[in-house]
Amino acid sequence: QHPELKRDGNNLLYTKIISVTDAILGAEVEIPCLDGKYNVKIEPGTQSGTVVRLKGKGLPSLNSGTGDLYVKYIVWIPKKLSRDEKETLEKMRSSESFRPNPSREDKNFFDRLRDMF
């Protein structure tokens, strides 16, 4: 048993909640592993629900090597904002960069996600 990691065969699963700004701008976060903590880079523009694989950071196996650690990023959206924060976001709302325009890769992700439900 591990307080933060869940087991799936030889693989481990972990959910990391990140801020909106970290998802937009990118960041470096600490991820727990069996042999300590690792710093992992979040790419700018990371979408909520994105899963990254840390190869070989899962559980060892006698037959098939070592499993992987899968990290799922969930973007936390604040419920309360200050007046200044709201004004800043309102200015960004009209920016072309903030209009949804999924790329081909994003559409494939959303199609896979839709098929899961």
N, C-alpha and C. Protein backbone atom coordinates (compact mmCIF):
# COMPACT_ATOMS: atom_id res chain seq x y z
N GLN A 1 0.84 -1.20 0.00
CA GLN A 1 0.00 0.00 0.00
C GLN A 1 0.87 1.25 0.00
N HIS A 2 0.47 2.22 -0.79
CA HIS A 2 1.16 3.50 -0.85
C HIS A 2 0.10 4.58 -0.67
N PRO A 3 0.39 5.62 0.10
CA PRO A 3 -0.64 6.63 0.38
C PRO A 3 -1.08 7.43 -0.85
N GLU A 4 -0.26 7.51 -1.90
CA GLU A 4 -0.59 8.36 -3.05
C GLU A 4 -0.68 7.61 -4.38
N LEU A 5 -0.03 6.48 -4.48
CA LEU A 5 0.03 5.74 -5.74
C LEU A 5 -0.93 4.56 -5.70
N LYS A 6 -1.61 4.33 -6.82
CA LYS A 6 -2.50 3.18 -6.94
C LYS A 6 -1.87 2.19 -7.90
N ARG A 7 -2.09 0.92 -7.65
CA ARG A 7 -1.49 -0.13 -8.46
C ARG A 7 -2.47 -0.62 -9.52
N ASP A 8 -1.93 -0.88 -10.71
CA ASP A 8 -2.67 -1.50 -11.80
C ASP A 8 -1.72 -2.49 -12.46
N GLY A 9 -1.70 -3.72 -11.94
CA GLY A 9 -0.70 -4.69 -12.40
C GLY A 9 0.68 -4.22 -11.95
N ASN A 10 1.60 -4.13 -12.90
CA ASN A 10 2.94 -3.61 -12.58
C ASN A 10 3.04 -2.10 -12.73
N ASN A 11 1.96 -1.50 -13.23
CA ASN A 11 1.95 -0.05 -13.41
C ASN A 11 1.40 0.63 -12.16
N LEU A 12 1.80 1.88 -11.99
CA LEU A 12 1.30 2.70 -10.90
C LEU A 12 0.56 3.88 -11.50
N LEU A 13 -0.47 4.35 -10.79
CA LEU A 13 -1.29 5.47 -11.24
C LEU A 13 -1.25 6.57 -10.19
N TYR A 14 -1.17 7.81 -10.67
CA TYR A 14 -1.13 8.95 -9.75
C TYR A 14 -1.88 10.11 -10.39
N THR A 15 -2.68 10.81 -9.63
CA THR A 15 -3.38 12.00 -10.10
C THR A 15 -2.75 13.23 -9.47
N LYS A 16 -2.37 14.18 -10.31
CA LYS A 16 -1.75 15.43 -9.85
C LYS A 16 -2.67 16.58 -10.21
N ILE A 17 -3.12 17.32 -9.20
CA ILE A 17 -3.96 18.49 -9.42
C ILE A 17 -3.03 19.68 -9.63
N ILE A 18 -3.24 20.39 -10.75
CA ILE A 18 -2.38 21.54 -11.07
C ILE A 18 -3.24 22.79 -11.24
N SER A 19 -2.61 23.93 -11.13
CA SER A 19 -3.32 25.20 -11.28
C SER A 19 -3.54 25.53 -12.76
N VAL A 20 -4.47 26.42 -13.01
CA VAL A 20 -4.74 26.88 -14.38
C VAL A 20 -3.47 27.51 -14.97
N THR A 21 -2.78 28.30 -14.18
CA THR A 21 -1.59 28.98 -14.69
C THR A 21 -0.49 27.98 -15.02
N ASP A 22 -0.32 26.93 -14.21
CA ASP A 22 0.67 25.91 -14.52
C ASP A 22 0.30 25.16 -15.80
N ALA A 23 -1.00 24.91 -15.99
CA ALA A 23 -1.44 24.23 -17.21
C ALA A 23 -1.20 25.11 -18.44
N ILE A 24 -1.44 26.39 -18.32
CA ILE A 24 -1.27 27.30 -19.46
C ILE A 24 0.19 27.57 -19.75
N LEU A 25 0.95 27.91 -18.72
CA LEU A 25 2.33 28.35 -18.91
C LEU A 25 3.36 27.23 -18.86
N GLY A 26 2.97 26.09 -18.29
CA GLY A 26 3.93 25.02 -18.04
C GLY A 26 4.57 25.23 -16.68
N ALA A 27 5.11 24.18 -16.14
CA ALA A 27 5.72 24.26 -14.81
C ALA A 27 6.51 22.98 -14.57
N GLU A 28 7.14 22.93 -13.43
CA GLU A 28 7.79 21.71 -12.99
C GLU A 28 7.13 21.31 -11.68
N VAL A 29 6.71 20.03 -11.59
CA VAL A 29 6.03 19.55 -10.40
C VAL A 29 6.75 18.33 -9.86
N GLU A 30 6.53 18.08 -8.59
CA GLU A 30 7.12 16.93 -7.92
C GLU A 30 6.13 15.78 -7.93
N ILE A 31 6.58 14.62 -8.39
CA ILE A 31 5.74 13.42 -8.47
C ILE A 31 6.33 12.35 -7.57
N PRO A 32 5.52 11.75 -6.68
CA PRO A 32 6.04 10.68 -5.83
C PRO A 32 6.26 9.39 -6.63
N CYS A 33 7.37 8.73 -6.38
CA CYS A 33 7.67 7.43 -6.97
C CYS A 33 8.08 6.51 -5.83
N LEU A 34 8.19 5.24 -6.11
CA LEU A 34 8.57 4.29 -5.07
C LEU A 34 9.96 4.56 -4.51
N ASP A 35 10.84 5.08 -5.35
CA ASP A 35 12.22 5.33 -4.91
C ASP A 35 12.50 6.81 -4.63
N GLY A 36 11.46 7.57 -4.33
CA GLY A 36 11.64 8.99 -4.00
C GLY A 36 10.72 9.86 -4.83
N LYS A 37 11.03 11.13 -4.88
CA LYS A 37 10.22 12.08 -5.64
C LYS A 37 11.00 12.52 -6.86
N TYR A 38 10.27 12.74 -7.96
CA TYR A 38 10.88 13.17 -9.21
C TYR A 38 10.25 14.47 -9.66
N ASN A 39 11.07 15.35 -10.22
CA ASN A 39 10.57 16.57 -10.82
C ASN A 39 10.22 16.27 -12.27
N VAL A 40 8.99 16.63 -12.64
CA VAL A 40 8.48 16.37 -13.98
C VAL A 40 8.01 17.70 -14.57
N LYS A 41 8.34 17.91 -15.83
CA LYS A 41 7.95 19.14 -16.52
C LYS A 41 6.54 19.00 -17.07
N ILE A 42 5.71 20.00 -16.78
CA ILE A 42 4.38 20.10 -17.38
C ILE A 42 4.55 20.99 -18.61
N GLU A 43 4.14 20.50 -19.75
CA GLU A 43 4.27 21.26 -20.99
C GLU A 43 3.25 22.40 -21.01
N PRO A 44 3.61 23.57 -21.55
CA PRO A 44 2.64 24.65 -21.70
C PRO A 44 1.44 24.18 -22.53
N GLY A 45 0.24 24.57 -22.10
CA GLY A 45 -0.97 24.18 -22.82
C GLY A 45 -1.50 22.82 -22.44
N THR A 46 -1.04 22.27 -21.32
CA THR A 46 -1.52 20.96 -20.88
C THR A 46 -3.01 21.03 -20.55
N GLN A 47 -3.76 20.08 -21.09
CA GLN A 47 -5.21 20.02 -20.88
C GLN A 47 -5.51 19.16 -19.65
N SER A 48 -6.62 19.47 -18.98
CA SER A 48 -7.06 18.64 -17.87
C SER A 48 -7.37 17.25 -18.41
N GLY A 49 -6.91 16.23 -17.70
CA GLY A 49 -7.12 14.86 -18.12
C GLY A 49 -5.94 14.28 -18.88
N THR A 50 -4.94 15.10 -19.18
CA THR A 50 -3.75 14.61 -19.87
C THR A 50 -3.05 13.58 -19.00
N VAL A 51 -2.60 12.49 -19.61
CA VAL A 51 -1.87 11.44 -18.91
C VAL A 51 -0.48 11.35 -19.51
N VAL A 52 0.53 11.38 -18.64
CA VAL A 52 1.92 11.20 -19.08
C VAL A 52 2.46 9.92 -18.46
N ARG A 53 3.38 9.29 -19.15
CA ARG A 53 3.97 8.04 -18.69
C ARG A 53 5.41 8.26 -18.26
N LEU A 54 5.73 7.81 -17.06
CA LEU A 54 7.11 7.80 -16.58
C LEU A 54 7.59 6.36 -16.71
N LYS A 55 8.29 6.10 -17.78
CA LYS A 55 8.70 4.74 -18.12
C LYS A 55 9.62 4.15 -17.05
N GLY A 56 9.31 2.93 -16.64
CA GLY A 56 10.15 2.21 -15.70
C GLY A 56 10.03 2.64 -14.26
N LYS A 57 9.04 3.48 -13.95
CA LYS A 57 8.87 3.96 -12.57
C LYS A 57 7.75 3.23 -11.84
N GLY A 58 7.32 2.09 -12.41
CA GLY A 58 6.29 1.28 -11.77
C GLY A 58 6.91 0.20 -10.90
N LEU A 59 6.20 -0.92 -10.80
CA LEU A 59 6.65 -2.03 -9.96
C LEU A 59 7.47 -3.03 -10.76
N PRO A 60 8.52 -3.57 -10.15
CA PRO A 60 9.30 -4.59 -10.85
C PRO A 60 8.51 -5.90 -10.96
N SER A 61 8.85 -6.67 -11.99
CA SER A 61 8.21 -7.96 -12.20
C SER A 61 9.29 -9.00 -12.49
N LEU A 62 9.06 -10.19 -12.06
CA LEU A 62 10.01 -11.27 -12.33
C LEU A 62 10.03 -11.62 -13.82
N ASN A 63 8.90 -11.47 -14.49
CA ASN A 63 8.79 -11.92 -15.88
C ASN A 63 8.94 -10.83 -16.93
N SER A 64 8.47 -9.62 -16.65
CA SER A 64 8.37 -8.63 -17.73
C SER A 64 9.02 -7.29 -17.41
N GLY A 65 10.09 -7.25 -16.67
CA GLY A 65 10.76 -5.97 -16.40
C GLY A 65 10.03 -5.14 -15.37
N THR A 66 10.01 -3.85 -15.60
CA THR A 66 9.39 -2.93 -14.64
C THR A 66 8.23 -2.20 -15.30
N GLY A 67 7.17 -2.00 -14.53
CA GLY A 67 6.01 -1.26 -15.03
C GLY A 67 6.30 0.23 -15.11
N ASP A 68 5.30 0.98 -15.50
CA ASP A 68 5.42 2.42 -15.66
C ASP A 68 4.55 3.13 -14.63
N LEU A 69 4.82 4.41 -14.44
CA LEU A 69 4.00 5.26 -13.60
C LEU A 69 3.25 6.21 -14.52
N TYR A 70 1.92 6.18 -14.45
CA TYR A 70 1.08 7.05 -15.25
C TYR A 70 0.57 8.18 -14.37
N VAL A 71 0.82 9.41 -14.81
CA VAL A 71 0.41 10.59 -14.06
C VAL A 71 -0.70 11.29 -14.84
N LYS A 72 -1.84 11.46 -14.20
CA LYS A 72 -2.97 12.17 -14.82
C LYS A 72 -3.05 13.56 -14.22
N TYR A 73 -3.02 14.57 -15.09
CA TYR A 73 -3.13 15.96 -14.65
C TYR A 73 -4.59 16.40 -14.65
N ILE A 74 -5.02 16.95 -13.54
CA ILE A 74 -6.35 17.55 -13.42
C ILE A 74 -6.13 19.03 -13.14
N VAL A 75 -6.74 19.89 -13.96
CA VAL A 75 -6.59 21.33 -13.79
C VAL A 75 -7.65 21.82 -12.82
N TRP A 76 -7.19 22.47 -11.77
CA TRP A 76 -8.09 23.01 -10.75
C TRP A 76 -8.53 24.41 -11.16
N ILE A 77 -9.84 24.61 -11.20
CA ILE A 77 -10.42 25.90 -11.56
C ILE A 77 -10.90 26.58 -10.27
N PRO A 78 -10.39 27.78 -9.98
CA PRO A 78 -10.82 28.45 -8.74
C PRO A 78 -12.29 28.88 -8.82
N LYS A 79 -12.98 28.81 -7.69
CA LYS A 79 -14.38 29.19 -7.64
C LYS A 79 -14.58 30.66 -7.29
N LYS A 80 -13.64 31.22 -6.56
CA LYS A 80 -13.76 32.63 -6.16
C LYS A 80 -12.54 33.38 -6.66
N LEU A 81 -12.81 34.56 -7.23
CA LEU A 81 -11.74 35.40 -7.75
C LEU A 81 -11.91 36.81 -7.21
N SER A 82 -10.79 37.49 -7.09
CA SER A 82 -10.85 38.90 -6.71
C SER A 82 -11.33 39.72 -7.92
N ARG A 83 -11.68 40.94 -7.68
CA ARG A 83 -12.13 41.83 -8.76
C ARG A 83 -11.03 41.97 -9.82
N ASP A 84 -9.80 42.17 -9.38
CA ASP A 84 -8.68 42.31 -10.32
C ASP A 84 -8.48 41.04 -11.15
N GLU A 85 -8.60 39.89 -10.51
CA GLU A 85 -8.45 38.62 -11.24
C GLU A 85 -9.55 38.47 -12.30
N LYS A 86 -10.78 38.83 -11.93
CA LYS A 86 -11.88 38.75 -12.89
C LYS A 86 -11.64 39.69 -14.07
N GLU A 87 -11.19 40.91 -13.78
CA GLU A 87 -10.92 41.88 -14.85
C GLU A 87 -9.84 41.37 -15.80
N THR A 88 -8.81 40.78 -15.23
CA THR A 88 -7.72 40.23 -16.05
C THR A 88 -8.25 39.12 -16.95
N LEU A 89 -9.05 38.23 -16.38
CA LEU A 89 -9.60 37.13 -17.17
C LEU A 89 -10.57 37.63 -18.24
N GLU A 90 -11.35 38.66 -17.93
CA GLU A 90 -12.26 39.23 -18.93
C GLU A 90 -11.47 39.77 -20.12
N LYS A 91 -10.34 40.39 -19.86
CA LYS A 91 -9.50 40.89 -20.96
C LYS A 91 -8.97 39.73 -21.80
N MET A 92 -8.60 38.64 -21.14
CA MET A 92 -8.07 37.48 -21.86
C MET A 92 -9.15 36.76 -22.64
N ARG A 93 -10.38 36.82 -22.19
CA ARG A 93 -11.49 36.12 -22.84
C ARG A 93 -11.61 36.50 -24.32
N SER A 94 -11.37 37.76 -24.63
CA SER A 94 -11.51 38.22 -26.01
C SER A 94 -10.28 37.92 -26.87
N SER A 95 -9.22 37.43 -26.26
CA SER A 95 -8.01 37.09 -27.01
C SER A 95 -8.22 35.83 -27.84
N GLU A 96 -7.69 35.83 -29.04
CA GLU A 96 -7.78 34.67 -29.93
C GLU A 96 -7.17 33.42 -29.28
N SER A 97 -6.14 33.60 -28.47
CA SER A 97 -5.46 32.48 -27.82
C SER A 97 -6.36 31.73 -26.85
N PHE A 98 -7.39 32.39 -26.35
CA PHE A 98 -8.26 31.77 -25.34
C PHE A 98 -9.55 31.21 -25.93
N ARG A 99 -9.69 31.27 -27.25
CA ARG A 99 -10.86 30.68 -27.89
C ARG A 99 -10.56 29.21 -28.18
N PRO A 100 -11.48 28.32 -27.84
CA PRO A 100 -11.23 26.90 -28.13
C PRO A 100 -11.03 26.67 -29.62
N ASN A 101 -9.93 26.03 -29.95
CA ASN A 101 -9.61 25.70 -31.33
C ASN A 101 -8.78 24.42 -31.31
N PRO A 102 -9.45 23.29 -31.04
CA PRO A 102 -8.69 22.04 -30.88
C PRO A 102 -7.91 21.66 -32.14
N SER A 103 -6.68 21.25 -31.91
CA SER A 103 -5.85 20.76 -33.01
C SER A 103 -6.27 19.34 -33.35
N ARG A 104 -5.68 18.79 -34.36
CA ARG A 104 -5.98 17.40 -34.75
C ARG A 104 -5.69 16.45 -33.58
N GLU A 105 -4.56 16.68 -32.91
CA GLU A 105 -4.18 15.85 -31.77
C GLU A 105 -5.20 15.98 -30.64
N ASP A 106 -5.65 17.22 -30.37
CA ASP A 106 -6.65 17.45 -29.33
C ASP A 106 -7.96 16.74 -29.68
N LYS A 107 -8.36 16.82 -30.95
CA LYS A 107 -9.61 16.18 -31.36
C LYS A 107 -9.54 14.68 -31.16
N ASN A 108 -8.39 14.09 -31.48
CA ASN A 108 -8.23 12.65 -31.26
C ASN A 108 -8.37 12.32 -29.78
N PHE A 109 -7.79 13.16 -28.92
CA PHE A 109 -7.90 12.95 -27.48
C PHE A 109 -9.35 13.02 -27.04
N PHE A 110 -10.08 14.05 -27.51
CA PHE A 110 -11.47 14.22 -27.12
C PHE A 110 -12.34 13.08 -27.66
N ASP A 111 -12.04 12.59 -28.86
CA ASP A 111 -12.77 11.45 -29.41
C ASP A 111 -12.57 10.21 -28.54
N ARG A 112 -11.32 9.97 -28.12
CA ARG A 112 -11.03 8.83 -27.24
C ARG A 112 -11.75 8.99 -25.91
N LEU A 113 -11.75 10.20 -25.39
CA LEU A 113 -12.40 10.47 -24.12
C LEU A 113 -13.90 10.23 -24.24
N ARG A 114 -14.49 10.71 -25.33
CA ARG A 114 -15.93 10.53 -25.56
C ARG A 114 -16.26 9.04 -25.63
N ASP A 115 -15.42 8.27 -26.29
CA ASP A 115 -15.68 6.84 -26.43
C ASP A 115 -15.61 6.11 -25.10
N MET A 116 -14.92 6.67 -24.12
CA MET A 116 -14.82 6.05 -22.81
C MET A 116 -16.15 6.12 -22.06
N PHE A 117 -17.01 7.06 -22.43
CA PHE A 117 -18.29 7.23 -21.76
C PHE A 117 -19.35 6.67 -22.63
